[in-house]
N, C-alpha and C. Protein backbone atom coordinates (compact mmCIF):
# COMPACT_ATOMS: atom_id res chain seq x y z
N MET A 1 70.78 110.17 80.50
CA MET A 1 71.29 109.54 79.29
C MET A 1 72.72 109.01 79.49
N GLU A 2 73.54 109.80 80.19
CA GLU A 2 74.92 109.37 80.43
C GLU A 2 74.96 108.11 81.27
N SER A 3 74.08 108.03 82.28
CA SER A 3 74.00 106.85 83.13
C SER A 3 73.57 105.63 82.33
N LEU A 4 72.60 105.83 81.43
CA LEU A 4 72.13 104.74 80.58
C LEU A 4 73.22 104.27 79.65
N PHE A 5 73.99 105.23 79.09
CA PHE A 5 75.10 104.88 78.19
C PHE A 5 76.17 104.08 78.92
N ASN A 6 76.49 104.52 80.15
CA ASN A 6 77.50 103.81 80.93
C ASN A 6 77.06 102.41 81.27
N SER A 7 75.79 102.23 81.58
CA SER A 7 75.27 100.89 81.86
C SER A 7 75.35 100.01 80.63
N PHE A 8 75.00 100.59 79.47
CA PHE A 8 75.07 99.86 78.20
C PHE A 8 76.51 99.48 77.88
N LYS A 9 77.44 100.42 78.13
CA LYS A 9 78.85 100.17 77.87
C LYS A 9 79.39 99.07 78.79
N THR A 10 78.92 99.03 80.03
CA THR A 10 79.36 98.02 80.98
C THR A 10 78.95 96.63 80.54
N VAL A 11 77.76 96.53 79.95
CA VAL A 11 77.27 95.23 79.46
C VAL A 11 78.09 94.77 78.26
N LEU A 12 78.38 95.69 77.34
CA LEU A 12 79.12 95.33 76.13
C LEU A 12 80.62 95.14 76.39
N TRP A 13 81.21 96.00 77.23
CA TRP A 13 82.63 95.94 77.52
C TRP A 13 82.86 95.94 79.02
N PRO A 14 82.55 94.85 79.68
CA PRO A 14 82.66 94.81 81.14
C PRO A 14 84.11 94.83 81.61
N GLN A 15 84.31 95.31 82.83
CA GLN A 15 85.60 95.18 83.49
C GLN A 15 85.93 93.70 83.61
N ARG A 16 87.17 93.32 83.28
CA ARG A 16 87.56 91.92 83.36
C ARG A 16 88.64 91.71 84.42
N CYS A 17 88.59 90.57 85.05
CA CYS A 17 89.59 90.23 86.05
C CYS A 17 90.96 90.15 85.39
N MET A 18 91.94 90.81 85.99
CA MET A 18 93.27 90.84 85.37
C MET A 18 93.98 89.49 85.45
N PHE A 19 93.49 88.59 86.29
CA PHE A 19 94.13 87.29 86.44
C PHE A 19 93.49 86.19 85.59
N CYS A 20 92.17 86.16 85.52
CA CYS A 20 91.50 85.08 84.79
C CYS A 20 90.74 85.56 83.56
N GLY A 21 90.51 86.87 83.44
CA GLY A 21 89.82 87.42 82.28
C GLY A 21 88.32 87.36 82.34
N GLU A 22 87.74 86.86 83.43
CA GLU A 22 86.29 86.78 83.55
C GLU A 22 85.70 88.18 83.73
N PRO A 23 84.52 88.43 83.09
CA PRO A 23 83.89 89.74 83.24
C PRO A 23 83.39 89.97 84.66
N MET A 24 83.46 91.23 85.09
CA MET A 24 82.99 91.62 86.42
C MET A 24 82.04 92.80 86.23
N PHE A 25 80.74 92.51 86.12
CA PHE A 25 79.75 93.54 85.79
C PHE A 25 79.48 94.49 86.95
N ASP A 26 79.60 93.98 88.17
CA ASP A 26 79.21 94.79 89.32
C ASP A 26 80.37 95.11 90.23
N LYS A 27 81.59 95.04 89.71
CA LYS A 27 82.74 95.26 90.57
C LYS A 27 83.76 96.16 89.86
N ALA A 28 84.18 97.20 90.56
CA ALA A 28 85.13 98.14 89.97
C ALA A 28 86.56 97.70 90.17
N ASP A 29 86.78 96.69 91.00
CA ASP A 29 88.13 96.20 91.28
C ASP A 29 88.68 95.48 90.05
N SER A 30 89.97 95.13 90.10
CA SER A 30 90.61 94.45 88.97
C SER A 30 90.73 92.94 89.18
N THR A 31 90.25 92.45 90.32
CA THR A 31 90.35 91.03 90.64
C THR A 31 88.98 90.49 91.01
N CYS A 32 88.56 89.41 90.37
CA CYS A 32 87.25 88.83 90.67
C CYS A 32 87.28 88.12 92.02
N GLU A 33 86.12 87.85 92.55
CA GLU A 33 86.01 87.25 93.88
C GLU A 33 86.64 85.86 93.92
N ARG A 34 86.49 85.11 92.83
CA ARG A 34 87.06 83.75 92.81
C ARG A 34 88.58 83.81 92.87
N CYS A 35 89.18 84.73 92.12
CA CYS A 35 90.64 84.84 92.13
C CYS A 35 91.15 85.36 93.47
N VAL A 36 90.42 86.28 94.07
CA VAL A 36 90.82 86.79 95.38
C VAL A 36 91.00 85.64 96.36
N ASP A 37 90.14 84.62 96.24
CA ASP A 37 90.18 83.49 97.17
C ASP A 37 91.16 82.40 96.75
N THR A 38 91.57 82.37 95.48
CA THR A 38 92.35 81.23 94.99
C THR A 38 93.72 81.59 94.44
N LEU A 39 94.12 82.86 94.45
CA LEU A 39 95.43 83.23 93.93
C LEU A 39 96.54 82.56 94.75
N PRO A 40 97.68 82.29 94.11
CA PRO A 40 98.78 81.59 94.80
C PRO A 40 99.59 82.52 95.70
N TYR A 41 98.98 82.93 96.81
CA TYR A 41 99.65 83.84 97.73
C TYR A 41 100.82 83.15 98.43
N VAL A 42 101.84 83.90 98.75
CA VAL A 42 102.90 83.43 99.64
C VAL A 42 102.40 83.65 101.06
N THR A 43 102.19 82.56 101.79
CA THR A 43 101.58 82.67 103.11
C THR A 43 102.45 82.01 104.18
N GLY A 44 102.06 82.22 105.42
CA GLY A 44 102.77 81.61 106.54
C GLY A 44 104.13 82.23 106.76
N LYS A 45 104.96 81.50 107.48
CA LYS A 45 106.33 81.96 107.72
C LYS A 45 107.12 81.89 106.43
N ILE A 46 107.88 82.94 106.15
CA ILE A 46 108.64 82.96 104.91
C ILE A 46 110.13 82.99 105.20
N CYS A 47 110.89 82.55 104.21
CA CYS A 47 112.34 82.71 104.25
C CYS A 47 112.63 84.08 103.67
N THR A 48 113.22 84.95 104.45
CA THR A 48 113.47 86.31 103.98
C THR A 48 114.65 86.41 103.02
N SER A 49 115.35 85.29 102.82
CA SER A 49 116.43 85.29 101.83
C SER A 49 115.90 85.08 100.42
N CYS A 50 114.87 84.22 100.29
CA CYS A 50 114.34 83.93 98.96
C CYS A 50 112.91 84.41 98.77
N GLY A 51 112.21 84.73 99.86
CA GLY A 51 110.84 85.23 99.75
C GLY A 51 109.79 84.15 99.66
N ARG A 52 110.20 82.89 99.70
CA ARG A 52 109.24 81.79 99.62
C ARG A 52 108.80 81.37 101.02
N GLY A 53 107.67 80.67 101.08
CA GLY A 53 107.28 80.06 102.33
C GLY A 53 108.33 79.05 102.76
N ARG A 54 108.42 78.80 104.07
CA ARG A 54 109.44 77.90 104.58
C ARG A 54 109.40 76.54 103.91
N SER A 55 108.21 76.04 103.59
CA SER A 55 108.09 74.73 102.97
C SER A 55 108.58 74.72 101.53
N GLU A 56 108.70 75.90 100.91
CA GLU A 56 109.16 76.00 99.52
C GLU A 56 110.58 76.55 99.41
N CYS A 57 111.21 76.83 100.54
CA CYS A 57 112.54 77.44 100.54
C CYS A 57 113.56 76.51 99.88
N THR A 58 114.33 77.09 98.98
CA THR A 58 115.37 76.32 98.28
C THR A 58 116.74 76.97 98.46
N CYS A 59 116.88 77.75 99.50
CA CYS A 59 118.14 78.47 99.70
C CYS A 59 119.31 77.51 99.92
N SER A 60 120.43 77.91 99.39
CA SER A 60 121.67 77.16 99.58
C SER A 60 122.61 78.02 100.41
N SER A 61 123.86 77.65 100.44
CA SER A 61 124.84 78.41 101.21
C SER A 61 125.40 79.60 100.44
N SER A 62 124.92 79.82 99.21
CA SER A 62 125.44 80.93 98.41
C SER A 62 125.05 82.27 99.03
N THR A 63 125.90 83.27 98.86
CA THR A 63 125.67 84.59 99.42
C THR A 63 124.77 85.40 98.50
N LEU A 64 123.75 86.01 99.08
CA LEU A 64 122.86 86.90 98.34
C LEU A 64 123.08 88.32 98.85
N TYR A 65 123.32 89.24 97.94
CA TYR A 65 123.69 90.60 98.32
C TYR A 65 122.46 91.50 98.44
N TYR A 66 121.59 91.15 99.34
CA TYR A 66 120.50 92.02 99.76
C TYR A 66 120.08 91.57 101.15
N ASP A 67 119.33 92.42 101.83
CA ASP A 67 118.98 92.13 103.22
C ASP A 67 117.73 91.28 103.36
N LYS A 68 116.81 91.43 102.42
CA LYS A 68 115.55 90.71 102.54
C LYS A 68 114.83 90.76 101.21
N ALA A 69 114.08 89.70 100.90
CA ALA A 69 113.29 89.66 99.67
C ALA A 69 111.91 89.08 99.98
N VAL A 70 110.87 89.73 99.48
CA VAL A 70 109.51 89.25 99.68
C VAL A 70 108.71 89.44 98.40
N ALA A 71 107.60 88.71 98.30
CA ALA A 71 106.68 88.82 97.17
C ALA A 71 105.29 88.42 97.64
N PRO A 72 104.25 89.01 97.09
CA PRO A 72 102.90 88.61 97.49
C PRO A 72 102.46 87.27 96.90
N PHE A 73 103.02 86.88 95.73
CA PHE A 73 102.54 85.70 95.02
C PHE A 73 103.66 84.74 94.65
N TYR A 74 103.24 83.49 94.40
CA TYR A 74 104.07 82.56 93.65
C TYR A 74 103.74 82.76 92.16
N PHE A 75 104.71 82.48 91.32
CA PHE A 75 104.58 82.70 89.88
C PHE A 75 103.85 81.51 89.25
N GLU A 76 102.55 81.46 89.46
CA GLU A 76 101.74 80.34 88.99
C GLU A 76 100.38 80.84 88.48
N HIS A 77 99.77 80.02 87.60
CA HIS A 77 98.37 80.18 87.21
C HIS A 77 98.07 81.59 86.70
N GLY A 78 97.03 82.23 87.27
CA GLY A 78 96.62 83.54 86.80
C GLY A 78 97.66 84.62 87.01
N VAL A 79 98.48 84.47 88.05
CA VAL A 79 99.55 85.45 88.29
C VAL A 79 100.57 85.39 87.17
N ARG A 80 100.93 84.18 86.76
CA ARG A 80 101.86 84.03 85.62
C ARG A 80 101.28 84.68 84.37
N LYS A 81 100.01 84.41 84.10
CA LYS A 81 99.35 84.97 82.91
C LYS A 81 99.34 86.49 82.95
N CYS A 82 99.04 87.04 84.12
CA CYS A 82 98.96 88.49 84.26
C CYS A 82 100.32 89.15 84.06
N ILE A 83 101.35 88.60 84.68
CA ILE A 83 102.70 89.18 84.53
C ILE A 83 103.18 89.05 83.10
N HIS A 84 102.90 87.94 82.44
CA HIS A 84 103.27 87.78 81.04
C HIS A 84 102.56 88.81 80.16
N SER A 85 101.29 89.11 80.50
CA SER A 85 100.56 90.12 79.73
C SER A 85 101.19 91.50 79.90
N LEU A 86 101.60 91.81 81.11
CA LEU A 86 102.29 93.08 81.36
C LEU A 86 103.63 93.12 80.65
N LYS A 87 104.34 92.02 80.73
CA LYS A 87 105.74 92.00 80.28
C LYS A 87 105.89 91.86 78.77
N PHE A 88 105.04 91.04 78.16
CA PHE A 88 105.26 90.69 76.75
C PHE A 88 104.14 91.12 75.81
N ARG A 89 102.99 91.56 76.37
CA ARG A 89 101.85 91.89 75.51
C ARG A 89 101.43 93.34 75.63
N SER A 90 102.33 94.17 76.15
CA SER A 90 102.11 95.62 76.22
C SER A 90 100.89 96.00 77.04
N ARG A 91 100.52 95.17 78.01
CA ARG A 91 99.39 95.49 78.89
C ARG A 91 99.90 96.33 80.06
N THR A 92 100.41 97.49 79.74
CA THR A 92 101.04 98.34 80.74
C THR A 92 100.06 98.82 81.81
N GLU A 93 98.77 98.81 81.49
CA GLU A 93 97.77 99.24 82.47
C GLU A 93 97.67 98.29 83.67
N LEU A 94 98.27 97.10 83.53
CA LEU A 94 98.22 96.13 84.63
C LEU A 94 99.20 96.48 85.76
N ALA A 95 100.14 97.35 85.48
CA ALA A 95 101.14 97.70 86.51
C ALA A 95 100.48 98.35 87.72
N GLU A 96 99.50 99.19 87.49
CA GLU A 96 98.87 99.91 88.60
C GLU A 96 98.12 98.95 89.55
N PRO A 97 97.21 98.10 89.06
CA PRO A 97 96.56 97.17 90.00
C PRO A 97 97.50 96.15 90.61
N LEU A 98 98.54 95.73 89.88
CA LEU A 98 99.52 94.81 90.47
C LEU A 98 100.28 95.50 91.61
N SER A 99 100.49 96.80 91.48
CA SER A 99 101.20 97.52 92.54
C SER A 99 100.40 97.57 93.83
N GLU A 100 99.08 97.35 93.74
CA GLU A 100 98.27 97.27 94.96
C GLU A 100 98.69 96.05 95.79
N TYR A 101 99.02 94.96 95.10
CA TYR A 101 99.48 93.76 95.81
C TYR A 101 100.90 93.96 96.34
N LEU A 102 101.71 94.71 95.60
CA LEU A 102 103.03 95.07 96.13
C LEU A 102 102.88 95.91 97.40
N LEU A 103 101.90 96.81 97.39
CA LEU A 103 101.65 97.65 98.55
C LEU A 103 101.25 96.80 99.76
N SER A 104 100.42 95.80 99.54
CA SER A 104 100.00 94.92 100.64
C SER A 104 101.20 94.18 101.22
N ALA A 105 102.07 93.68 100.32
CA ALA A 105 103.27 92.97 100.80
C ALA A 105 104.21 93.93 101.52
N PHE A 106 104.32 95.14 101.02
CA PHE A 106 105.15 96.15 101.68
C PHE A 106 104.65 96.41 103.10
N ASN A 107 103.35 96.63 103.23
CA ASN A 107 102.78 96.93 104.54
C ASN A 107 102.94 95.76 105.50
N LYS A 108 102.96 94.56 104.96
CA LYS A 108 103.10 93.38 105.81
C LYS A 108 104.54 93.17 106.27
N HIS A 109 105.49 93.41 105.39
CA HIS A 109 106.88 93.04 105.67
C HIS A 109 107.83 94.22 105.89
N TYR A 110 107.48 95.40 105.34
CA TYR A 110 108.43 96.51 105.38
C TYR A 110 107.86 97.77 106.04
N SER A 111 106.77 97.65 106.74
CA SER A 111 106.12 98.84 107.30
C SER A 111 107.00 99.58 108.31
N ASP A 112 107.94 98.86 108.92
CA ASP A 112 108.83 99.50 109.91
C ASP A 112 110.10 100.08 109.30
N GLU A 113 110.30 99.85 108.00
CA GLU A 113 111.50 100.36 107.34
C GLU A 113 111.31 101.82 106.93
N ASN A 114 112.40 102.53 106.88
CA ASN A 114 112.39 103.93 106.46
C ASN A 114 113.29 104.07 105.22
N PHE A 115 112.74 103.74 104.07
CA PHE A 115 113.53 103.75 102.85
C PHE A 115 113.75 105.18 102.35
N ASP A 116 114.94 105.41 101.83
CA ASP A 116 115.24 106.72 101.25
C ASP A 116 114.63 106.87 99.87
N PHE A 117 114.60 105.79 99.12
CA PHE A 117 113.96 105.83 97.81
C PHE A 117 113.71 104.42 97.30
N ILE A 118 112.90 104.35 96.25
CA ILE A 118 112.60 103.10 95.55
C ILE A 118 113.29 103.13 94.19
N THR A 119 113.85 102.01 93.79
CA THR A 119 114.39 101.90 92.43
C THR A 119 113.97 100.54 91.87
N CYS A 120 114.40 100.26 90.65
CA CYS A 120 113.95 99.03 89.98
C CYS A 120 115.12 98.37 89.25
N VAL A 121 114.92 97.10 88.93
CA VAL A 121 115.89 96.37 88.11
C VAL A 121 115.80 96.91 86.68
N PRO A 122 116.91 97.35 86.10
CA PRO A 122 116.87 97.97 84.78
C PRO A 122 116.88 96.94 83.64
N LEU A 123 116.47 97.39 82.48
CA LEU A 123 116.64 96.63 81.24
C LEU A 123 117.84 97.17 80.48
N HIS A 124 118.44 96.31 79.66
CA HIS A 124 119.47 96.80 78.75
C HIS A 124 118.81 97.73 77.72
N PRO A 125 119.50 98.78 77.28
CA PRO A 125 118.89 99.72 76.33
C PRO A 125 118.31 99.06 75.08
N ASP A 126 118.93 98.00 74.59
CA ASP A 126 118.40 97.31 73.41
C ASP A 126 117.05 96.67 73.72
N ASP A 127 116.93 96.05 74.90
CA ASP A 127 115.67 95.43 75.29
C ASP A 127 114.60 96.48 75.55
N LEU A 128 115.01 97.59 76.16
CA LEU A 128 114.07 98.67 76.42
C LEU A 128 113.53 99.26 75.12
N LYS A 129 114.40 99.41 74.15
CA LYS A 129 113.99 99.94 72.85
C LYS A 129 113.03 98.98 72.16
N GLN A 130 113.31 97.69 72.24
CA GLN A 130 112.45 96.70 71.59
C GLN A 130 111.09 96.60 72.26
N ARG A 131 111.06 96.59 73.58
CA ARG A 131 109.79 96.43 74.31
C ARG A 131 109.05 97.75 74.41
N GLY A 132 109.80 98.84 74.55
CA GLY A 132 109.17 100.14 74.67
C GLY A 132 108.94 100.61 76.09
N TYR A 133 109.15 99.76 77.05
CA TYR A 133 108.96 100.10 78.46
C TYR A 133 109.63 99.03 79.30
N ASN A 134 109.89 99.40 80.56
CA ASN A 134 110.43 98.46 81.54
C ASN A 134 109.32 98.18 82.55
N GLN A 135 108.82 96.95 82.58
CA GLN A 135 107.70 96.61 83.45
C GLN A 135 108.02 96.83 84.92
N SER A 136 109.27 96.60 85.32
CA SER A 136 109.66 96.82 86.71
C SER A 136 109.65 98.31 87.06
N HIS A 137 110.02 99.13 86.09
CA HIS A 137 109.94 100.59 86.25
C HIS A 137 108.49 101.00 86.51
N LEU A 138 107.56 100.49 85.73
CA LEU A 138 106.15 100.84 85.88
C LEU A 138 105.62 100.42 87.25
N LEU A 139 105.99 99.23 87.68
CA LEU A 139 105.55 98.73 88.99
C LEU A 139 106.11 99.58 90.12
N ALA A 140 107.41 99.87 90.05
CA ALA A 140 108.06 100.65 91.11
C ALA A 140 107.53 102.08 91.15
N GLU A 141 107.30 102.66 90.00
CA GLU A 141 106.80 104.03 89.94
C GLU A 141 105.40 104.12 90.55
N SER A 142 104.56 103.15 90.22
CA SER A 142 103.21 103.13 90.77
C SER A 142 103.23 102.93 92.28
N LEU A 143 104.08 102.03 92.75
CA LEU A 143 104.19 101.79 94.19
C LEU A 143 104.69 103.04 94.91
N SER A 144 105.65 103.73 94.33
CA SER A 144 106.21 104.92 94.98
C SER A 144 105.14 105.99 95.20
N LYS A 145 104.22 106.11 94.27
CA LYS A 145 103.14 107.09 94.41
C LYS A 145 102.21 106.70 95.56
N LYS A 146 101.95 105.42 95.70
CA LYS A 146 101.08 104.95 96.78
C LYS A 146 101.74 105.14 98.14
N LEU A 147 103.05 104.98 98.19
CA LEU A 147 103.77 105.07 99.45
C LEU A 147 104.32 106.47 99.74
N ASN A 148 104.28 107.32 98.73
CA ASN A 148 104.87 108.66 98.84
C ASN A 148 106.35 108.58 99.20
N ILE A 149 107.03 107.62 98.55
CA ILE A 149 108.48 107.47 98.67
C ILE A 149 109.08 107.78 97.30
N GLU A 150 110.13 108.54 97.26
CA GLU A 150 110.74 108.95 96.00
C GLU A 150 111.14 107.74 95.15
N PHE A 151 110.88 107.83 93.86
CA PHE A 151 111.29 106.80 92.91
C PHE A 151 112.44 107.34 92.07
N LYS A 152 113.55 106.61 92.06
CA LYS A 152 114.70 106.96 91.23
C LYS A 152 114.88 105.86 90.19
N SER A 153 114.66 106.20 88.95
CA SER A 153 114.67 105.18 87.89
C SER A 153 116.05 104.91 87.32
N ASP A 154 117.00 105.82 87.56
CA ASP A 154 118.28 105.75 86.87
C ASP A 154 119.44 105.40 87.79
N VAL A 155 119.14 104.80 88.93
CA VAL A 155 120.22 104.43 89.87
C VAL A 155 121.07 103.31 89.29
N LEU A 156 120.42 102.28 88.78
CA LEU A 156 121.11 101.12 88.21
C LEU A 156 121.04 101.15 86.69
N ARG A 157 122.08 100.65 86.05
CA ARG A 157 122.11 100.51 84.59
C ARG A 157 122.53 99.09 84.24
N LYS A 158 121.94 98.55 83.20
CA LYS A 158 122.37 97.25 82.68
C LYS A 158 123.28 97.54 81.49
N ILE A 159 124.55 97.27 81.68
CA ILE A 159 125.54 97.71 80.69
C ILE A 159 125.90 96.63 79.67
N TYR A 160 125.52 95.39 79.95
CA TYR A 160 125.77 94.30 79.00
C TYR A 160 124.47 93.56 78.75
N HIS A 161 124.28 93.17 77.51
CA HIS A 161 123.08 92.41 77.14
C HIS A 161 123.26 90.96 77.56
N THR A 162 122.20 90.36 78.08
CA THR A 162 122.23 88.95 78.48
C THR A 162 121.13 88.20 77.78
N GLU A 163 121.34 86.89 77.64
CA GLU A 163 120.30 86.04 77.07
C GLU A 163 119.17 85.87 78.08
N LYS A 164 118.02 85.44 77.60
CA LYS A 164 116.88 85.21 78.48
C LYS A 164 117.25 84.19 79.54
N GLN A 165 116.80 84.46 80.77
CA GLN A 165 117.12 83.61 81.90
C GLN A 165 116.24 82.37 81.99
N SER A 166 115.10 82.38 81.33
CA SER A 166 114.18 81.25 81.43
C SER A 166 114.84 79.98 80.91
N GLY A 167 114.73 78.92 81.69
CA GLY A 167 115.29 77.64 81.30
C GLY A 167 116.71 77.42 81.79
N ALA A 168 117.37 78.48 82.26
CA ALA A 168 118.74 78.35 82.74
C ALA A 168 118.77 77.76 84.15
N LEU A 169 119.80 77.01 84.45
CA LEU A 169 119.99 76.46 85.78
C LEU A 169 120.42 77.58 86.73
N PRO A 170 120.20 77.39 88.05
CA PRO A 170 120.55 78.45 89.01
C PRO A 170 121.98 78.96 88.86
N LEU A 171 122.95 78.05 88.70
CA LEU A 171 124.34 78.48 88.56
C LEU A 171 124.53 79.27 87.27
N GLU A 172 123.83 78.86 86.21
CA GLU A 172 123.91 79.57 84.93
C GLU A 172 123.32 80.96 85.06
N ARG A 173 122.21 81.06 85.77
CA ARG A 173 121.58 82.36 85.98
C ARG A 173 122.52 83.32 86.68
N SER A 174 123.18 82.81 87.71
CA SER A 174 124.12 83.64 88.47
C SER A 174 125.25 84.11 87.58
N GLY A 175 125.78 83.22 86.74
CA GLY A 175 126.87 83.58 85.84
C GLY A 175 126.43 84.53 84.76
N ASN A 176 125.17 84.40 84.30
CA ASN A 176 124.66 85.26 83.24
C ASN A 176 124.60 86.73 83.63
N VAL A 177 124.37 87.00 84.91
CA VAL A 177 124.20 88.40 85.33
C VAL A 177 125.44 88.96 86.03
N LEU A 178 126.48 88.17 86.13
CA LEU A 178 127.68 88.63 86.82
C LEU A 178 128.31 89.81 86.08
N GLY A 179 128.40 90.94 86.75
CA GLY A 179 129.05 92.12 86.18
C GLY A 179 128.27 92.87 85.13
N VAL A 180 126.97 92.58 84.98
CA VAL A 180 126.21 93.24 83.90
C VAL A 180 125.54 94.53 84.36
N PHE A 181 125.55 94.81 85.67
CA PHE A 181 124.92 96.03 86.18
C PHE A 181 125.96 97.01 86.69
N ASP A 182 125.60 98.27 86.65
CA ASP A 182 126.45 99.33 87.18
C ASP A 182 125.54 100.37 87.83
N VAL A 183 126.12 101.27 88.60
CA VAL A 183 125.35 102.34 89.24
C VAL A 183 125.78 103.68 88.70
N ASP A 184 124.86 104.63 88.75
CA ASP A 184 125.17 105.99 88.32
C ASP A 184 126.03 106.65 89.39
N GLU A 185 127.25 106.97 89.06
CA GLU A 185 128.20 107.53 90.04
C GLU A 185 127.80 108.93 90.49
N ASN A 186 126.86 109.56 89.79
CA ASN A 186 126.42 110.91 90.17
C ASN A 186 125.34 110.89 91.25
N ILE A 187 124.84 109.71 91.59
CA ILE A 187 123.81 109.60 92.62
C ILE A 187 124.46 109.15 93.93
N ASP A 188 124.21 109.89 94.99
CA ASP A 188 124.80 109.59 96.30
C ASP A 188 124.03 108.46 96.96
N LEU A 189 124.69 107.31 97.13
CA LEU A 189 124.07 106.15 97.76
C LEU A 189 124.60 105.90 99.17
N ASN A 190 125.49 106.72 99.65
CA ASN A 190 126.09 106.51 100.96
C ASN A 190 125.03 106.48 102.06
N ASN A 191 125.03 105.36 102.80
CA ASN A 191 124.14 105.17 103.95
C ASN A 191 122.66 105.19 103.57
N LYS A 192 122.34 104.95 102.31
CA LYS A 192 120.95 104.96 101.87
C LYS A 192 120.30 103.59 102.10
N LYS A 193 119.02 103.65 102.44
CA LYS A 193 118.20 102.45 102.55
C LYS A 193 117.31 102.39 101.32
N ILE A 194 117.45 101.31 100.56
CA ILE A 194 116.86 101.26 99.22
C ILE A 194 115.89 100.09 99.10
N LEU A 195 114.73 100.34 98.48
CA LEU A 195 113.80 99.28 98.12
C LEU A 195 113.94 99.02 96.63
N LEU A 196 114.30 97.79 96.29
CA LEU A 196 114.54 97.38 94.90
C LEU A 196 113.37 96.55 94.41
N VAL A 197 112.72 96.98 93.34
CA VAL A 197 111.50 96.35 92.83
C VAL A 197 111.77 95.63 91.51
N ASP A 198 111.18 94.43 91.37
CA ASP A 198 111.24 93.66 90.13
C ASP A 198 109.91 92.97 89.93
N ASP A 199 109.72 92.40 88.73
CA ASP A 199 108.46 91.71 88.48
C ASP A 199 108.49 90.27 89.01
N ILE A 200 109.55 89.52 88.69
CA ILE A 200 109.63 88.11 89.08
C ILE A 200 110.99 87.84 89.71
N GLU A 201 110.99 87.09 90.79
CA GLU A 201 112.23 86.59 91.37
C GLU A 201 112.28 85.08 91.14
N THR A 202 113.37 84.60 90.56
CA THR A 202 113.52 83.17 90.34
C THR A 202 114.55 82.60 91.31
N THR A 203 115.81 82.82 91.05
CA THR A 203 116.85 82.34 91.96
C THR A 203 117.37 83.45 92.87
N GLY A 204 117.03 84.68 92.57
CA GLY A 204 117.56 85.81 93.33
C GLY A 204 118.85 86.34 92.75
N SER A 205 119.35 85.75 91.68
CA SER A 205 120.64 86.14 91.11
C SER A 205 120.63 87.58 90.61
N THR A 206 119.57 87.97 89.91
CA THR A 206 119.50 89.33 89.38
C THR A 206 119.39 90.35 90.51
N LEU A 207 118.51 90.09 91.46
CA LEU A 207 118.38 91.00 92.60
C LEU A 207 119.69 91.09 93.37
N SER A 208 120.36 89.96 93.55
CA SER A 208 121.61 89.93 94.29
C SER A 208 122.70 90.72 93.59
N GLU A 209 122.78 90.58 92.28
CA GLU A 209 123.81 91.32 91.54
C GLU A 209 123.54 92.82 91.59
N CYS A 210 122.26 93.20 91.50
CA CYS A 210 121.91 94.62 91.64
C CYS A 210 122.24 95.10 93.05
N GLY A 211 121.88 94.29 94.04
CA GLY A 211 122.16 94.65 95.42
C GLY A 211 123.65 94.81 95.69
N LYS A 212 124.45 93.94 95.10
CA LYS A 212 125.90 94.02 95.28
C LYS A 212 126.44 95.35 94.78
N MET A 213 125.96 95.79 93.63
CA MET A 213 126.45 97.06 93.09
C MET A 213 125.98 98.24 93.96
N LEU A 214 124.78 98.14 94.52
CA LEU A 214 124.29 99.20 95.39
C LEU A 214 125.11 99.27 96.67
N PHE A 215 125.44 98.11 97.23
CA PHE A 215 126.28 98.08 98.44
C PHE A 215 127.68 98.61 98.16
N LEU A 216 128.25 98.24 97.02
CA LEU A 216 129.58 98.72 96.66
C LEU A 216 129.60 100.23 96.50
N ALA A 217 128.45 100.79 96.13
CA ALA A 217 128.37 102.25 95.97
C ALA A 217 128.03 102.96 97.27
N GLY A 218 127.91 102.20 98.37
CA GLY A 218 127.74 102.84 99.67
C GLY A 218 126.40 102.64 100.34
N ALA A 219 125.47 101.91 99.72
CA ALA A 219 124.15 101.71 100.33
C ALA A 219 124.27 101.01 101.67
N GLU A 220 123.43 101.40 102.61
CA GLU A 220 123.41 100.78 103.94
C GLU A 220 122.53 99.55 103.97
N LYS A 221 121.41 99.60 103.22
CA LYS A 221 120.45 98.50 103.25
C LYS A 221 119.77 98.39 101.90
N VAL A 222 119.59 97.15 101.44
CA VAL A 222 118.86 96.89 100.19
C VAL A 222 117.83 95.81 100.47
N CYS A 223 116.56 96.15 100.32
CA CYS A 223 115.48 95.18 100.47
C CYS A 223 114.77 95.05 99.13
N CYS A 224 114.28 93.86 98.84
CA CYS A 224 113.71 93.57 97.53
C CYS A 224 112.22 93.24 97.62
N LEU A 225 111.49 93.65 96.62
CA LEU A 225 110.05 93.39 96.54
C LEU A 225 109.69 93.06 95.10
N SER A 226 109.18 91.86 94.88
CA SER A 226 108.77 91.41 93.55
C SER A 226 107.29 91.05 93.58
N VAL A 227 106.66 91.08 92.42
CA VAL A 227 105.26 90.67 92.34
C VAL A 227 105.13 89.18 92.64
N ALA A 228 106.05 88.39 92.11
CA ALA A 228 105.95 86.94 92.28
C ALA A 228 107.32 86.31 92.40
N VAL A 229 107.34 85.18 93.07
CA VAL A 229 108.56 84.38 93.21
C VAL A 229 108.24 82.98 92.70
N THR A 230 109.15 82.39 91.97
CA THR A 230 108.91 81.06 91.42
C THR A 230 109.09 80.00 92.48
N LYS A 231 108.41 78.88 92.27
CA LYS A 231 108.65 77.70 93.09
C LYS A 231 109.70 76.86 92.38
N LEU A 232 110.81 76.61 93.03
CA LEU A 232 111.89 75.85 92.43
C LEU A 232 111.84 74.42 92.91
N LYS A 233 112.22 73.49 92.04
CA LYS A 233 112.23 72.09 92.43
C LYS A 233 113.34 71.82 93.43
N LYS A 234 112.97 71.16 94.50
CA LYS A 234 113.97 70.76 95.48
C LYS A 234 114.58 69.42 95.08
N LYS A 235 115.74 69.14 95.59
CA LYS A 235 116.36 67.85 95.33
C LYS A 235 115.47 66.75 95.90
N GLY A 236 115.23 65.76 95.08
CA GLY A 236 114.42 64.64 95.51
C GLY A 236 112.94 64.82 95.22
N ARG A 237 112.55 66.04 94.77
CA ARG A 237 111.15 66.28 94.43
C ARG A 237 110.93 65.93 92.98
N ASN A 238 109.89 65.17 92.68
CA ASN A 238 109.58 64.78 91.31
C ASN A 238 108.91 65.94 90.57
C-alpha cells in the first residue's frame, strides 16, 4: 500500500527540475536531462581573477583582494531563475542541490587547496531580518558538510546598509561596498586559508572588499566560489 501511495503521489506531485520546473517522474535528481546538457556552464580556460571563461573576461587593471574566483555557471536562463527563487522567493531547499554544483567546481579548481574553514558574504542585519535567511550562508553551510570543512558563519559582518547593486556601474558597485564589511576580532585569522562563498559574482567588488578585510585581519589566502558569475558587456560589444 505504501508503494502504491508513493507512486500515486509521484504522479500528482512529481519532482521538478530546479532550473526549468519541468516534472521528472523517473528521476530523483534535481536537474532534468535537458538542463544538464544545456545549462550555461563556465567552460574551457578561465580567468582566475573574475571566474569567467577567457573569451568573456572583462578584467581591468583594478586590484582585486582575493587569490582566485571561480563559479560553475554563468548567471543566465534557468540558473538565474533558480538563484532568484532561492534569494527572493524563500526557496531555501534549493541551496542543497545548488551546493552540489559548488562541490563540482571546488573539486575542479580547488582540490589541491587545504582550507582552514569556509565562510560566506554576510547580509546587513536589516536585510537578514527582512529576508529571514542569508542565501550565501545556506550555500556555504551545505558545501561545508559535503567537504567536511568547518563552516564559520560569523567571520565577516556587514556593518553598513547598502542599496541594491543591480543596475549599478562597476565603479559604482565598488564604491557602494567600500568600508561596509568588518571582521570579528575574536576569531583568529592569522595565516588562515579561507574559502569565501557567495551566490552571484558580478564585478567582484563585494568579494574583493570581503577579501581585503580578511587579509587585513591576517589571512594568508582567500579564494572565492560563487554559484554563478555574470557576463559583462565588453567595450565595443553591442
